[in-house]
Amino acid sequence: MVSDYRCTMSIDPRVALGSLTAALEEHLVAAASRRGDDDPAVEAAFFAVADAFEAYSDALYDAYGEDLPLDLLDSDDDDDDDDDDDDGEDEEDEEGDDEAEE
């Protein structure tokens, strides 16, 4: 029953924004004191930012019906975006080559 209560309870957007800001600050501290490529503190801070961002986005929408102009990407989404970027660059290069030949 507690989990049902939590799902229906909305968070004040100002509280969620404060949590997001704090998570971003913690991420900066972790990144600045990184102890290698796979530092668990940086990874934990990264996920804390993602969670806080999602909570803020949900709270903002629930309170005001407003969406943020940003989205979180999954690692799978990021791979898809890389493929799309490559396609766009090829088209631009081909167009540029056509203009150079004329």
C-alpha atoms as a PDB file:
ATOM      1  CA  MET A   1       0.000   0.000   0.000  1.00  0.00           C
ATOM      2  CA  VAL A   2       2.854   2.424   0.649  1.00  0.00           C
ATOM      3  CA  SER A   3       4.137   2.063  -2.907  1.00  0.00           C
ATOM      4  CA  ASP A   4       0.674   2.996  -4.277  1.00  0.00           C
ATOM      5  CA  TYR A   5       0.711   6.134  -2.132  1.00  0.00           C
ATOM      6  CA  ARG A   6       4.123   7.144  -3.435  1.00  0.00           C
ATOM      7  CA  CYS A   7       3.084   6.695  -7.053  1.00  0.00           C
ATOM      8  CA  THR A   8       0.125   9.039  -6.698  1.00  0.00           C
ATOM      9  CA  MET A   9       1.911  11.626  -4.557  1.00  0.00           C
ATOM     10  CA  SER A  10       3.389  14.441  -6.581  1.00  0.00           C
ATOM     11  CA  ILE A  11       6.531  16.298  -5.618  1.00  0.00           C
ATOM     12  CA  ASP A  12       6.680  20.092  -5.462  1.00  0.00           C
ATOM     13  CA  PRO A  13       8.642  21.202  -8.559  1.00  0.00           C
ATOM     14  CA  ARG A  14      10.738  23.581  -6.438  1.00  0.00           C
ATOM     15  CA  VAL A  15      11.816  20.718  -4.185  1.00  0.00           C
ATOM     16  CA  ALA A  16      12.613  18.559  -7.224  1.00  0.00           C
ATOM     17  CA  LEU A  17      14.577  21.441  -8.779  1.00  0.00           C
ATOM     18  CA  GLY A  18      16.575  21.817  -5.568  1.00  0.00           C
ATOM     19  CA  SER A  19      17.360  18.096  -5.657  1.00  0.00           C
ATOM     20  CA  LEU A  20      18.450  18.356  -9.296  1.00  0.00           C
ATOM     21  CA  THR A  21      20.704  21.317  -8.530  1.00  0.00           C
ATOM     22  CA  ALA A  22      22.260  19.454  -5.602  1.00  0.00           C
ATOM     23  CA  ALA A  23      22.795  16.358  -7.772  1.00  0.00           C
ATOM     24  CA  LEU A  24      24.515  18.470 -10.438  1.00  0.00           C
ATOM     25  CA  GLU A  25      26.790  20.019  -7.804  1.00  0.00           C
ATOM     26  CA  GLU A  26      27.673  16.575  -6.447  1.00  0.00           C
ATOM     27  CA  HIS A  27      28.433  15.390  -9.970  1.00  0.00           C
ATOM     28  CA  LEU A  28      30.793  18.335 -10.457  1.00  0.00           C
ATOM     29  CA  VAL A  29      32.598  17.508  -7.212  1.00  0.00           C
ATOM     30  CA  ALA A  30      32.880  13.833  -8.197  1.00  0.00           C
ATOM     31  CA  ALA A  31      34.122  14.671 -11.694  1.00  0.00           C
ATOM     32  CA  ALA A  32      36.675  17.162 -10.373  1.00  0.00           C
ATOM     33  CA  SER A  33      38.094  14.570  -7.972  1.00  0.00           C
ATOM     34  CA  ARG A  34      37.858  11.603 -10.358  1.00  0.00           C
ATOM     35  CA  ARG A  35      40.224   8.739  -9.533  1.00  0.00           C
ATOM     36  CA  GLY A  36      40.346   7.010 -12.902  1.00  0.00           C
ATOM     37  CA  ASP A  37      38.115   6.278 -15.864  1.00  0.00           C
ATOM     38  CA  ASP A  38      35.786   3.970 -13.915  1.00  0.00           C
ATOM     39  CA  ASP A  39      35.470   5.974 -10.693  1.00  0.00           C
ATOM     40  CA  PRO A  40      32.364   4.649  -8.884  1.00  0.00           C
ATOM     41  CA  ALA A  41      31.714   8.066  -7.292  1.00  0.00           C
ATOM     42  CA  VAL A  42      31.377   9.670 -10.736  1.00  0.00           C
ATOM     43  CA  GLU A  43      29.124   6.874 -11.935  1.00  0.00           C
ATOM     44  CA  ALA A  44      26.906   7.174  -8.856  1.00  0.00           C
ATOM     45  CA  ALA A  45      26.726  10.948  -9.273  1.00  0.00           C
ATOM     46  CA  PHE A  46      25.846  10.505 -12.954  1.00  0.00           C
ATOM     47  CA  PHE A  47      22.879   8.283 -12.106  1.00  0.00           C
ATOM     48  CA  ALA A  48      21.821  10.616  -9.292  1.00  0.00           C
ATOM     49  CA  VAL A  49      21.634  13.472 -11.818  1.00  0.00           C
ATOM     50  CA  ALA A  50      19.570  11.322 -14.181  1.00  0.00           C
ATOM     51  CA  ASP A  51      17.167  10.328 -11.402  1.00  0.00           C
ATOM     52  CA  ALA A  52      16.833  13.901 -10.128  1.00  0.00           C
ATOM     53  CA  PHE A  53      16.262  15.194 -13.662  1.00  0.00           C
ATOM     54  CA  GLU A  54      13.496  12.673 -14.234  1.00  0.00           C
ATOM     55  CA  ALA A  55      11.865  13.560 -10.895  1.00  0.00           C
ATOM     56  CA  TYR A  56      11.990  17.276 -11.734  1.00  0.00           C
ATOM     57  CA  SER A  57      10.623  16.707 -15.222  1.00  0.00           C
ATOM     58  CA  ASP A  58       7.732  14.655 -13.836  1.00  0.00           C
ATOM     59  CA  ALA A  59       7.004  17.164 -11.061  1.00  0.00           C
ATOM     60  CA  LEU A  60       7.014  20.089 -13.492  1.00  0.00           C
ATOM     61  CA  TYR A  61       4.634  18.302 -15.823  1.00  0.00           C
ATOM     62  CA  ASP A  62       2.344  17.154 -13.000  1.00  0.00           C
ATOM     63  CA  ALA A  63       2.121  20.643 -11.492  1.00  0.00           C
ATOM     64  CA  TYR A  64       1.977  22.821 -14.607  1.00  0.00           C
ATOM     65  CA  GLY A  65       1.615  20.586 -17.659  1.00  0.00           C
ATOM     66  CA  GLU A  66       4.997  21.847 -18.835  1.00  0.00           C
ATOM     67  CA  ASP A  67       7.637  19.741 -20.585  1.00  0.00           C
ATOM     68  CA  LEU A  68      11.345  20.429 -20.489  1.00  0.00           C
ATOM     69  CA  PRO A  69      13.217  21.063 -23.740  1.00  0.00           C
ATOM     70  CA  LEU A  70      15.674  18.292 -22.774  1.00  0.00           C
ATOM     71  CA  ASP A  71      15.447  14.515 -22.730  1.00  0.00           C
ATOM     72  CA  LEU A  72      17.595  11.878 -21.110  1.00  0.00           C
ATOM     73  CA  LEU A  73      19.163   9.434 -23.533  1.00  0.00           C
ATOM     74  CA  ASP A  74      19.671   5.753 -22.920  1.00  0.00           C
ATOM     75  CA  SER A  75      22.942   4.311 -24.127  1.00  0.00           C
ATOM     76  CA  ASP A  76      20.942   2.556 -26.881  1.00  0.00           C
ATOM     77  CA  ASP A  77      19.438   5.901 -27.940  1.00  0.00           C
ATOM     78  CA  ASP A  78      22.904   7.433 -28.045  1.00  0.00           C
ATOM     79  CA  ASP A  79      24.093   4.743 -30.471  1.00  0.00           C
ATOM     80  CA  ASP A  80      21.099   5.435 -32.724  1.00  0.00           C
ATOM     81  CA  ASP A  81      21.827   9.171 -32.671  1.00  0.00           C
ATOM     82  CA  ASP A  82      25.421   8.532 -33.733  1.00  0.00           C
ATOM     83  CA  ASP A  83      24.151   6.630 -36.757  1.00  0.00           C
ATOM     84  CA  ASP A  84      21.790   9.485 -37.645  1.00  0.00           C
ATOM     85  CA  ASP A  85      24.579  12.039 -37.325  1.00  0.00           C
ATOM     86  CA  ASP A  86      26.788  10.045 -39.675  1.00  0.00           C
ATOM     87  CA  ASP A  87      24.030   9.930 -42.289  1.00  0.00           C
ATOM     88  CA  GLY A  88      23.530  13.697 -42.147  1.00  0.00           C
ATOM     89  CA  GLU A  89      27.223  14.383 -42.531  1.00  0.00           C
ATOM     90  CA  ASP A  90      27.452  12.149 -45.598  1.00  0.00           C
ATOM     91  CA  GLU A  91      24.574  13.978 -47.276  1.00  0.00           C
ATOM     92  CA  GLU A  92      26.142  17.352 -46.584  1.00  0.00           C
ATOM     93  CA  ASP A  93      29.486  16.142 -47.931  1.00  0.00           C
ATOM     94  CA  GLU A  94      27.835  14.826 -51.108  1.00  0.00           C
ATOM     95  CA  GLU A  95      25.990  18.106 -51.643  1.00  0.00           C
ATOM     96  CA  GLY A  96      29.196  20.039 -51.124  1.00  0.00           C
ATOM     97  CA  ASP A  97      30.991  17.817 -53.641  1.00  0.00           C
ATOM     98  CA  ASP A  98      28.275  18.429 -56.244  1.00  0.00           C
ATOM     99  CA  GLU A  99      28.573  22.179 -55.848  1.00  0.00           C
ATOM    100  CA  ALA A 100      32.363  22.004 -56.144  1.00  0.00           C
ATOM    101  CA  GLU A 101      32.110  20.041 -59.402  1.00  0.00           C
ATOM    102  CA  GLU A 102      29.771  22.580 -61.034  1.00  0.00           C
END
